[in-house]
Amino acid sequence: MKDEQSWDRRNHVPKHESLDHVLPANPLFIRLLTLAHRPTQRPAIRDLNAGVEKTTAELLSDAINFREVLRSELRPETLQALRNGEEVFISLLAPGGYEFTVGILAILGLGAAASPFSPAQPVKEASYYVNKARSVAVVVSASARKIGQDLAAEIRRTTNPQFQCIS
């Protein structure tokens, strides 16, 4: 029997090339695709604060589109690490709601691991979480753009000069 130290999430996540129309073959995306192909669509998410209501098909479409934004913004070394099946963490700084959900799905759709945290945290505390996860970037919602930029500046100054902030 393997010990806990040899456990690696990469052994449990099917490898995939995140092409425009391909999502990871895991239960979350399989369930979302199943719901998106139902003949009658009901709202999958309602964000009352943002005034957004989307079906599963719309949610997946937005996540795939944002995944492409992430792919275009991430450094080539990060994309290569993802293609090689290496563990890549991307932090997400957003209040709970639609932007948070799209961000999580886009990050997971790339094959990366998401490390979400609250935009209410001070920059020093947020930088602790980013460094602990060894995140290569932080994805920020519109409302968290300022703290995300401050966080990225702090990380670049102290621990990772290649760290990115992606809106």
N, C-alpha and C. Protein backbone atom coordinates (compact mmCIF):
# COMPACT_ATOMS: atom_id res chain seq x y z
N MET A 1 0.84 -1.18 0.00
CA MET A 1 0.00 0.00 0.00
C MET A 1 0.89 1.24 0.00
N LYS A 2 0.53 2.22 -0.83
CA LYS A 2 1.32 3.45 -0.93
C LYS A 2 1.09 4.32 0.30
N ASP A 3 2.15 5.00 0.72
CA ASP A 3 1.98 5.91 1.85
C ASP A 3 1.43 7.24 1.35
N GLU A 4 1.02 8.07 2.29
CA GLU A 4 0.39 9.34 1.94
C GLU A 4 1.32 10.28 1.20
N GLN A 5 2.62 10.20 1.44
CA GLN A 5 3.56 11.09 0.80
C GLN A 5 3.67 10.84 -0.70
N SER A 6 3.33 9.65 -1.17
CA SER A 6 3.45 9.37 -2.59
C SER A 6 2.17 9.75 -3.37
N TRP A 7 1.15 10.22 -2.66
CA TRP A 7 -0.09 10.62 -3.33
C TRP A 7 0.14 11.89 -4.12
N ASP A 8 -0.34 11.92 -5.33
CA ASP A 8 -0.19 13.09 -6.20
C ASP A 8 -1.48 13.24 -7.00
N ARG A 9 -2.08 14.43 -6.95
CA ARG A 9 -3.37 14.62 -7.63
C ARG A 9 -3.25 14.38 -9.13
N ARG A 10 -2.06 14.55 -9.71
CA ARG A 10 -1.88 14.34 -11.15
C ARG A 10 -2.17 12.91 -11.55
N ASN A 11 -2.05 11.98 -10.60
CA ASN A 11 -2.34 10.58 -10.89
C ASN A 11 -3.84 10.31 -10.97
N HIS A 12 -4.65 11.26 -10.54
CA HIS A 12 -6.09 11.06 -10.49
C HIS A 12 -6.87 11.97 -11.43
N VAL A 13 -6.17 12.87 -12.12
CA VAL A 13 -6.82 13.78 -13.06
C VAL A 13 -6.39 13.37 -14.46
N PRO A 14 -7.34 12.96 -15.30
CA PRO A 14 -6.96 12.52 -16.65
C PRO A 14 -6.25 13.64 -17.41
N LYS A 15 -5.18 13.27 -18.12
CA LYS A 15 -4.44 14.24 -18.91
C LYS A 15 -5.30 14.65 -20.11
N HIS A 16 -5.23 15.90 -20.47
CA HIS A 16 -5.96 16.38 -21.64
C HIS A 16 -5.22 17.56 -22.22
N GLU A 17 -5.42 17.75 -23.48
CA GLU A 17 -4.95 18.97 -24.13
C GLU A 17 -6.15 19.90 -24.09
N SER A 18 -6.00 21.07 -23.50
CA SER A 18 -7.16 21.96 -23.38
C SER A 18 -7.33 22.75 -24.67
N LEU A 19 -7.87 22.07 -25.66
CA LEU A 19 -8.21 22.72 -26.92
C LEU A 19 -9.51 23.47 -26.72
N ASP A 20 -9.87 24.30 -27.68
CA ASP A 20 -11.05 25.13 -27.54
C ASP A 20 -12.30 24.36 -27.14
N HIS A 21 -12.45 23.16 -27.62
CA HIS A 21 -13.69 22.41 -27.40
C HIS A 21 -13.52 21.21 -26.47
N VAL A 22 -12.37 21.08 -25.83
CA VAL A 22 -12.11 19.92 -24.99
C VAL A 22 -12.03 20.35 -23.52
N LEU A 23 -12.74 19.62 -22.69
CA LEU A 23 -12.70 19.85 -21.25
C LEU A 23 -12.13 18.60 -20.59
N PRO A 24 -11.57 18.73 -19.39
CA PRO A 24 -11.05 17.55 -18.70
C PRO A 24 -12.13 16.50 -18.50
N ALA A 25 -11.73 15.26 -18.59
CA ALA A 25 -12.67 14.15 -18.41
C ALA A 25 -12.77 13.81 -16.93
N ASN A 26 -13.38 14.71 -16.18
CA ASN A 26 -13.59 14.43 -14.76
C ASN A 26 -15.07 14.60 -14.44
N PRO A 27 -15.52 14.07 -13.32
CA PRO A 27 -16.96 14.07 -13.02
C PRO A 27 -17.62 15.45 -13.03
N LEU A 28 -16.91 16.49 -12.61
CA LEU A 28 -17.49 17.82 -12.60
C LEU A 28 -17.87 18.27 -14.02
N PHE A 29 -16.93 18.19 -14.94
CA PHE A 29 -17.20 18.64 -16.30
C PHE A 29 -18.16 17.70 -17.03
N ILE A 30 -18.08 16.43 -16.74
CA ILE A 30 -19.02 15.48 -17.36
C ILE A 30 -20.45 15.82 -16.93
N ARG A 31 -20.64 16.11 -15.66
CA ARG A 31 -21.98 16.47 -15.16
C ARG A 31 -22.46 17.78 -15.78
N LEU A 32 -21.57 18.77 -15.83
CA LEU A 32 -21.96 20.06 -16.42
C LEU A 32 -22.31 19.91 -17.90
N LEU A 33 -21.55 19.10 -18.63
CA LEU A 33 -21.86 18.88 -20.05
C LEU A 33 -23.19 18.16 -20.22
N THR A 34 -23.46 17.20 -19.34
CA THR A 34 -24.74 16.49 -19.39
C THR A 34 -25.89 17.47 -19.17
N LEU A 35 -25.77 18.33 -18.17
CA LEU A 35 -26.82 19.32 -17.90
C LEU A 35 -26.95 20.33 -19.02
N ALA A 36 -25.84 20.70 -19.64
CA ALA A 36 -25.87 21.69 -20.72
C ALA A 36 -26.57 21.16 -21.96
N HIS A 37 -26.63 19.84 -22.12
CA HIS A 37 -27.25 19.26 -23.31
C HIS A 37 -28.70 18.84 -23.10
N ARG A 38 -29.26 19.19 -21.97
CA ARG A 38 -30.68 18.90 -21.76
C ARG A 38 -31.52 19.78 -22.68
N PRO A 39 -32.64 19.28 -23.16
CA PRO A 39 -33.46 20.06 -24.09
C PRO A 39 -34.05 21.33 -23.46
N THR A 40 -34.40 21.25 -22.20
CA THR A 40 -34.90 22.45 -21.52
C THR A 40 -33.84 22.92 -20.52
N GLN A 41 -33.46 24.15 -20.68
CA GLN A 41 -32.41 24.72 -19.84
C GLN A 41 -33.04 25.54 -18.71
N ARG A 42 -32.58 25.26 -17.50
CA ARG A 42 -32.95 26.05 -16.34
C ARG A 42 -31.72 26.81 -15.88
N PRO A 43 -31.91 27.86 -15.12
CA PRO A 43 -30.73 28.58 -14.61
C PRO A 43 -29.86 27.65 -13.76
N ALA A 44 -28.57 27.70 -14.00
CA ALA A 44 -27.61 26.92 -13.21
C ALA A 44 -27.02 27.78 -12.11
N ILE A 45 -27.01 29.08 -12.34
CA ILE A 45 -26.42 29.99 -11.36
C ILE A 45 -27.14 31.33 -11.42
N ARG A 46 -27.37 31.87 -10.25
CA ARG A 46 -27.95 33.21 -10.10
C ARG A 46 -27.05 34.01 -9.19
N ASP A 47 -26.48 35.08 -9.72
CA ASP A 47 -25.65 35.97 -8.91
C ASP A 47 -26.46 37.25 -8.75
N LEU A 48 -27.15 37.37 -7.62
CA LEU A 48 -28.02 38.52 -7.39
C LEU A 48 -27.24 39.82 -7.29
N ASN A 49 -26.01 39.77 -6.74
CA ASN A 49 -25.20 40.98 -6.62
C ASN A 49 -24.78 41.53 -7.97
N ALA A 50 -24.47 40.63 -8.91
CA ALA A 50 -24.04 41.07 -10.25
C ALA A 50 -25.21 41.15 -11.23
N GLY A 51 -26.38 40.67 -10.81
CA GLY A 51 -27.53 40.67 -11.71
C GLY A 51 -27.36 39.72 -12.88
N VAL A 52 -26.76 38.55 -12.60
CA VAL A 52 -26.47 37.57 -13.65
C VAL A 52 -27.23 36.28 -13.36
N GLU A 53 -27.86 35.76 -14.40
CA GLU A 53 -28.51 34.45 -14.33
C GLU A 53 -28.15 33.71 -15.60
N LYS A 54 -27.52 32.55 -15.46
CA LYS A 54 -27.03 31.80 -16.62
C LYS A 54 -27.43 30.34 -16.52
N THR A 55 -27.61 29.73 -17.69
CA THR A 55 -27.84 28.30 -17.78
C THR A 55 -26.49 27.60 -17.73
N THR A 56 -26.52 26.29 -17.62
CA THR A 56 -25.27 25.52 -17.60
C THR A 56 -24.51 25.70 -18.90
N ALA A 57 -25.21 25.71 -20.03
CA ALA A 57 -24.54 25.90 -21.33
C ALA A 57 -23.86 27.27 -21.39
N GLU A 58 -24.52 28.30 -20.90
CA GLU A 58 -23.92 29.64 -20.90
C GLU A 58 -22.73 29.70 -19.95
N LEU A 59 -22.86 29.07 -18.80
CA LEU A 59 -21.77 29.02 -17.83
C LEU A 59 -20.54 28.34 -18.43
N LEU A 60 -20.74 27.19 -19.05
CA LEU A 60 -19.62 26.48 -19.67
C LEU A 60 -19.01 27.29 -20.81
N SER A 61 -19.84 27.93 -21.59
CA SER A 61 -19.34 28.76 -22.69
C SER A 61 -18.46 29.90 -22.15
N ASP A 62 -18.92 30.55 -21.10
CA ASP A 62 -18.13 31.63 -20.50
C ASP A 62 -16.83 31.10 -19.91
N ALA A 63 -16.88 29.93 -19.28
CA ALA A 63 -15.67 29.34 -18.70
C ALA A 63 -14.67 28.96 -19.79
N ILE A 64 -15.14 28.41 -20.88
CA ILE A 64 -14.24 28.05 -21.99
C ILE A 64 -13.64 29.30 -22.61
N ASN A 65 -14.46 30.32 -22.79
CA ASN A 65 -13.93 31.58 -23.33
C ASN A 65 -12.89 32.20 -22.41
N PHE A 66 -13.15 32.17 -21.10
CA PHE A 66 -12.18 32.74 -20.17
C PHE A 66 -10.93 31.87 -20.08
N ARG A 67 -11.09 30.58 -20.24
CA ARG A 67 -9.92 29.69 -20.27
C ARG A 67 -8.97 30.10 -21.39
N GLU A 68 -9.55 30.51 -22.52
CA GLU A 68 -8.71 30.96 -23.64
C GLU A 68 -8.01 32.27 -23.31
N VAL A 69 -8.68 33.14 -22.56
CA VAL A 69 -8.03 34.37 -22.11
C VAL A 69 -6.85 34.01 -21.21
N LEU A 70 -7.07 33.10 -20.28
CA LEU A 70 -5.99 32.67 -19.40
C LEU A 70 -4.83 32.09 -20.21
N ARG A 71 -5.15 31.22 -21.15
CA ARG A 71 -4.11 30.60 -21.97
C ARG A 71 -3.29 31.65 -22.71
N SER A 72 -3.96 32.69 -23.19
CA SER A 72 -3.23 33.73 -23.93
C SER A 72 -2.39 34.61 -23.02
N GLU A 73 -2.74 34.68 -21.72
CA GLU A 73 -2.03 35.54 -20.77
C GLU A 73 -0.91 34.81 -20.02
N LEU A 74 -1.05 33.51 -19.83
CA LEU A 74 -0.06 32.77 -19.04
C LEU A 74 1.27 32.66 -19.79
N ARG A 75 2.33 32.59 -19.04
CA ARG A 75 3.67 32.49 -19.61
C ARG A 75 3.85 31.15 -20.33
N PRO A 76 4.65 31.11 -21.38
CA PRO A 76 4.87 29.85 -22.11
C PRO A 76 5.38 28.72 -21.21
N GLU A 77 6.19 29.04 -20.20
CA GLU A 77 6.70 28.02 -19.29
C GLU A 77 5.56 27.37 -18.50
N THR A 78 4.58 28.18 -18.13
CA THR A 78 3.43 27.66 -17.39
C THR A 78 2.61 26.74 -18.28
N LEU A 79 2.38 27.17 -19.51
CA LEU A 79 1.61 26.34 -20.45
C LEU A 79 2.33 25.02 -20.72
N GLN A 80 3.65 25.07 -20.83
CA GLN A 80 4.42 23.84 -21.05
C GLN A 80 4.32 22.92 -19.84
N ALA A 81 4.38 23.49 -18.65
CA ALA A 81 4.23 22.69 -17.43
C ALA A 81 2.87 22.00 -17.41
N LEU A 82 1.83 22.71 -17.82
CA LEU A 82 0.50 22.10 -17.88
C LEU A 82 0.48 20.97 -18.90
N ARG A 83 1.08 21.18 -20.06
CA ARG A 83 1.13 20.12 -21.08
C ARG A 83 1.91 18.91 -20.59
N ASN A 84 2.92 19.14 -19.77
CA ASN A 84 3.73 18.04 -19.23
C ASN A 84 3.06 17.34 -18.06
N GLY A 85 1.90 17.83 -17.64
CA GLY A 85 1.19 17.20 -16.53
C GLY A 85 1.74 17.59 -15.17
N GLU A 86 2.53 18.65 -15.14
CA GLU A 86 3.07 19.10 -13.85
C GLU A 86 1.99 19.81 -13.05
N GLU A 87 2.18 19.84 -11.76
CA GLU A 87 1.22 20.50 -10.90
C GLU A 87 1.43 22.02 -10.97
N VAL A 88 0.38 22.71 -11.40
CA VAL A 88 0.41 24.17 -11.53
C VAL A 88 -0.76 24.72 -10.74
N PHE A 89 -0.47 25.68 -9.85
CA PHE A 89 -1.52 26.32 -9.08
C PHE A 89 -1.72 27.74 -9.58
N ILE A 90 -2.98 28.12 -9.68
CA ILE A 90 -3.36 29.49 -10.03
C ILE A 90 -4.33 29.96 -8.95
N SER A 91 -4.01 31.09 -8.34
CA SER A 91 -4.88 31.63 -7.29
C SER A 91 -6.05 32.37 -7.93
N LEU A 92 -7.13 32.46 -7.19
CA LEU A 92 -8.33 33.17 -7.64
C LEU A 92 -8.76 34.11 -6.53
N LEU A 93 -8.85 35.36 -6.88
CA LEU A 93 -9.23 36.41 -5.92
C LEU A 93 -10.54 37.03 -6.42
N ALA A 94 -11.64 36.57 -5.84
CA ALA A 94 -12.96 37.02 -6.28
C ALA A 94 -13.99 36.72 -5.20
N PRO A 95 -14.98 37.60 -5.06
CA PRO A 95 -16.06 37.27 -4.13
C PRO A 95 -16.90 36.14 -4.73
N GLY A 96 -17.57 35.38 -3.88
CA GLY A 96 -18.42 34.31 -4.37
C GLY A 96 -19.47 34.85 -5.32
N GLY A 97 -19.69 34.16 -6.40
CA GLY A 97 -20.67 34.59 -7.40
C GLY A 97 -20.27 34.10 -8.77
N TYR A 98 -20.80 34.76 -9.78
CA TYR A 98 -20.60 34.29 -11.14
C TYR A 98 -19.14 34.37 -11.59
N GLU A 99 -18.47 35.49 -11.35
CA GLU A 99 -17.07 35.60 -11.76
C GLU A 99 -16.21 34.54 -11.07
N PHE A 100 -16.48 34.28 -9.82
CA PHE A 100 -15.75 33.25 -9.08
C PHE A 100 -15.95 31.89 -9.74
N THR A 101 -17.19 31.56 -10.07
CA THR A 101 -17.51 30.26 -10.67
C THR A 101 -16.84 30.11 -12.03
N VAL A 102 -16.93 31.14 -12.85
CA VAL A 102 -16.28 31.09 -14.17
C VAL A 102 -14.77 30.95 -14.01
N GLY A 103 -14.20 31.69 -13.06
CA GLY A 103 -12.76 31.60 -12.82
C GLY A 103 -12.32 30.21 -12.41
N ILE A 104 -13.04 29.61 -11.47
CA ILE A 104 -12.71 28.25 -11.02
C ILE A 104 -12.78 27.27 -12.18
N LEU A 105 -13.88 27.31 -12.94
CA LEU A 105 -14.04 26.38 -14.06
C LEU A 105 -12.98 26.59 -15.14
N ALA A 106 -12.61 27.84 -15.40
CA ALA A 106 -11.58 28.12 -16.40
C ALA A 106 -10.23 27.58 -15.96
N ILE A 107 -9.89 27.79 -14.69
CA ILE A 107 -8.61 27.30 -14.16
C ILE A 107 -8.57 25.77 -14.22
N LEU A 108 -9.63 25.13 -13.75
CA LEU A 108 -9.69 23.67 -13.79
C LEU A 108 -9.70 23.16 -15.23
N GLY A 109 -10.35 23.91 -16.11
CA GLY A 109 -10.40 23.54 -17.52
C GLY A 109 -9.04 23.58 -18.20
N LEU A 110 -8.13 24.36 -17.67
CA LEU A 110 -6.75 24.38 -18.18
C LEU A 110 -5.97 23.16 -17.73
N GLY A 111 -6.43 22.53 -16.66
CA GLY A 111 -5.69 21.43 -16.07
C GLY A 111 -4.88 21.87 -14.86
N ALA A 112 -5.07 23.11 -14.43
CA ALA A 112 -4.37 23.64 -13.26
C ALA A 112 -5.23 23.40 -12.02
N ALA A 113 -4.62 23.61 -10.87
CA ALA A 113 -5.34 23.55 -9.60
C ALA A 113 -5.65 24.98 -9.18
N ALA A 114 -6.85 25.19 -8.66
CA ALA A 114 -7.27 26.52 -8.22
C ALA A 114 -7.01 26.69 -6.73
N SER A 115 -6.54 27.87 -6.37
CA SER A 115 -6.31 28.22 -4.97
C SER A 115 -7.07 29.52 -4.69
N PRO A 116 -8.37 29.41 -4.36
CA PRO A 116 -9.18 30.61 -4.16
C PRO A 116 -9.02 31.20 -2.76
N PHE A 117 -9.15 32.51 -2.69
CA PHE A 117 -9.20 33.18 -1.40
C PHE A 117 -9.96 34.49 -1.52
N SER A 118 -10.31 35.04 -0.40
CA SER A 118 -11.19 36.20 -0.33
C SER A 118 -10.47 37.50 -0.67
N PRO A 119 -11.14 38.38 -1.43
CA PRO A 119 -10.56 39.70 -1.70
C PRO A 119 -10.60 40.62 -0.49
N ALA A 120 -11.21 40.18 0.60
CA ALA A 120 -11.26 40.99 1.81
C ALA A 120 -9.97 40.88 2.63
N GLN A 121 -9.09 39.98 2.25
CA GLN A 121 -7.84 39.81 2.99
C GLN A 121 -6.85 40.93 2.67
N PRO A 122 -6.03 41.28 3.64
CA PRO A 122 -4.95 42.23 3.37
C PRO A 122 -3.92 41.60 2.42
N VAL A 123 -3.17 42.42 1.72
CA VAL A 123 -2.20 41.94 0.74
C VAL A 123 -1.19 40.99 1.37
N LYS A 124 -0.70 41.32 2.57
CA LYS A 124 0.30 40.45 3.23
C LYS A 124 -0.26 39.06 3.49
N GLU A 125 -1.51 38.98 3.93
CA GLU A 125 -2.13 37.68 4.19
C GLU A 125 -2.36 36.93 2.88
N ALA A 126 -2.83 37.64 1.87
CA ALA A 126 -3.05 37.01 0.56
C ALA A 126 -1.74 36.50 -0.02
N SER A 127 -0.66 37.25 0.16
CA SER A 127 0.64 36.80 -0.37
C SER A 127 1.10 35.53 0.33
N TYR A 128 0.75 35.37 1.59
CA TYR A 128 1.07 34.13 2.30
C TYR A 128 0.42 32.94 1.58
N TYR A 129 -0.87 33.05 1.24
CA TYR A 129 -1.58 31.96 0.58
C TYR A 129 -1.03 31.69 -0.82
N VAL A 130 -0.71 32.74 -1.54
CA VAL A 130 -0.14 32.58 -2.88
C VAL A 130 1.20 31.84 -2.79
N ASN A 131 2.05 32.25 -1.86
CA ASN A 131 3.36 31.61 -1.72
C ASN A 131 3.23 30.18 -1.20
N LYS A 132 2.31 29.95 -0.28
CA LYS A 132 2.10 28.60 0.25
C LYS A 132 1.68 27.63 -0.85
N ALA A 133 0.82 28.10 -1.76
CA ALA A 133 0.36 27.26 -2.87
C ALA A 133 1.36 27.22 -4.03
N ARG A 134 2.35 28.10 -3.99
CA ARG A 134 3.30 28.24 -5.10
C ARG A 134 2.56 28.56 -6.41
N SER A 135 1.57 29.45 -6.30
CA SER A 135 0.79 29.87 -7.47
C SER A 135 1.67 30.64 -8.45
N VAL A 136 1.40 30.44 -9.73
CA VAL A 136 2.15 31.15 -10.77
C VAL A 136 1.46 32.44 -11.18
N ALA A 137 0.18 32.57 -10.80
CA ALA A 137 -0.60 33.74 -11.19
C ALA A 137 -1.78 33.88 -10.26
N VAL A 138 -2.39 35.05 -10.30
CA VAL A 138 -3.65 35.27 -9.61
C VAL A 138 -4.65 35.79 -10.63
N VAL A 139 -5.82 35.18 -10.66
CA VAL A 139 -6.93 35.63 -11.50
C VAL A 139 -7.82 36.48 -10.60
N VAL A 140 -8.14 37.69 -11.05
CA VAL A 140 -8.91 38.60 -10.21
C VAL A 140 -10.21 39.02 -10.89
N SER A 141 -11.24 39.15 -10.08
CA SER A 141 -12.52 39.66 -10.58
C SER A 141 -12.41 41.17 -10.75
N ALA A 142 -13.38 41.75 -11.42
CA ALA A 142 -13.39 43.19 -11.63
C ALA A 142 -13.35 43.95 -10.32
N SER A 143 -14.08 43.47 -9.33
CA SER A 143 -14.14 44.17 -8.05
C SER A 143 -12.87 44.00 -7.21
N ALA A 144 -12.03 43.03 -7.56
CA ALA A 144 -10.82 42.77 -6.79
C ALA A 144 -9.55 43.15 -7.55
N ARG A 145 -9.71 43.91 -8.63
CA ARG A 145 -8.56 44.24 -9.48
C ARG A 145 -7.45 44.97 -8.72
N LYS A 146 -7.80 45.94 -7.88
CA LYS A 146 -6.80 46.74 -7.17
C LYS A 146 -5.99 45.87 -6.20
N ILE A 147 -6.66 45.08 -5.38
CA ILE A 147 -5.92 44.22 -4.45
C ILE A 147 -5.11 43.18 -5.22
N GLY A 148 -5.62 42.71 -6.35
CA GLY A 148 -4.88 41.75 -7.16
C GLY A 148 -3.60 42.35 -7.72
N GLN A 149 -3.67 43.58 -8.18
CA GLN A 149 -2.48 44.25 -8.69
C GLN A 149 -1.47 44.50 -7.56
N ASP A 150 -1.96 44.92 -6.40
CA ASP A 150 -1.08 45.12 -5.25
C ASP A 150 -0.44 43.80 -4.82
N LEU A 151 -1.22 42.74 -4.82
CA LEU A 151 -0.72 41.41 -4.48
C LEU A 151 0.36 40.97 -5.45
N ALA A 152 0.10 41.14 -6.74
CA ALA A 152 1.08 40.74 -7.75
C ALA A 152 2.38 41.52 -7.59
N ALA A 153 2.27 42.80 -7.31
CA ALA A 153 3.47 43.63 -7.11
C ALA A 153 4.27 43.12 -5.91
N GLU A 154 3.57 42.77 -4.83
CA GLU A 154 4.22 42.25 -3.62
C GLU A 154 4.92 40.92 -3.90
N ILE A 155 4.25 40.02 -4.60
CA ILE A 155 4.82 38.71 -4.91
C ILE A 155 6.03 38.87 -5.82
N ARG A 156 5.91 39.70 -6.85
CA ARG A 156 7.04 39.93 -7.77
C ARG A 156 8.23 40.53 -7.02
N ARG A 157 7.96 41.41 -6.08
CA ARG A 157 9.02 42.07 -5.33
C ARG A 157 9.72 41.12 -4.35
N THR A 158 8.96 40.17 -3.78
CA THR A 158 9.50 39.36 -2.68
C THR A 158 9.88 37.93 -3.05
N THR A 159 9.08 37.24 -3.84
CA THR A 159 9.33 35.80 -4.02
C THR A 159 9.33 35.29 -5.45
N ASN A 160 8.58 35.91 -6.36
CA ASN A 160 8.46 35.37 -7.71
C ASN A 160 8.37 36.51 -8.72
N PRO A 161 9.49 36.89 -9.33
CA PRO A 161 9.47 38.02 -10.27
C PRO A 161 8.64 37.75 -11.53
N GLN A 162 8.25 36.49 -11.76
CA GLN A 162 7.46 36.13 -12.94
C GLN A 162 5.95 36.06 -12.66
N PHE A 163 5.55 36.34 -11.44
CA PHE A 163 4.15 36.21 -11.03
C PHE A 163 3.26 37.13 -11.84
N GLN A 164 2.08 36.63 -12.21
CA GLN A 164 1.15 37.38 -13.06
C GLN A 164 -0.16 37.67 -12.36
N CYS A 165 -0.77 38.79 -12.74
CA CYS A 165 -2.11 39.15 -12.32
C CYS A 165 -2.96 39.21 -13.59
N ILE A 166 -4.01 38.39 -13.65
CA ILE A 166 -4.86 38.31 -14.83
C ILE A 166 -6.28 38.71 -14.45
N SER A 167 -6.80 39.73 -15.11
CA SER A 167 -8.16 40.21 -14.83
C SER A 167 -9.17 39.41 -15.60
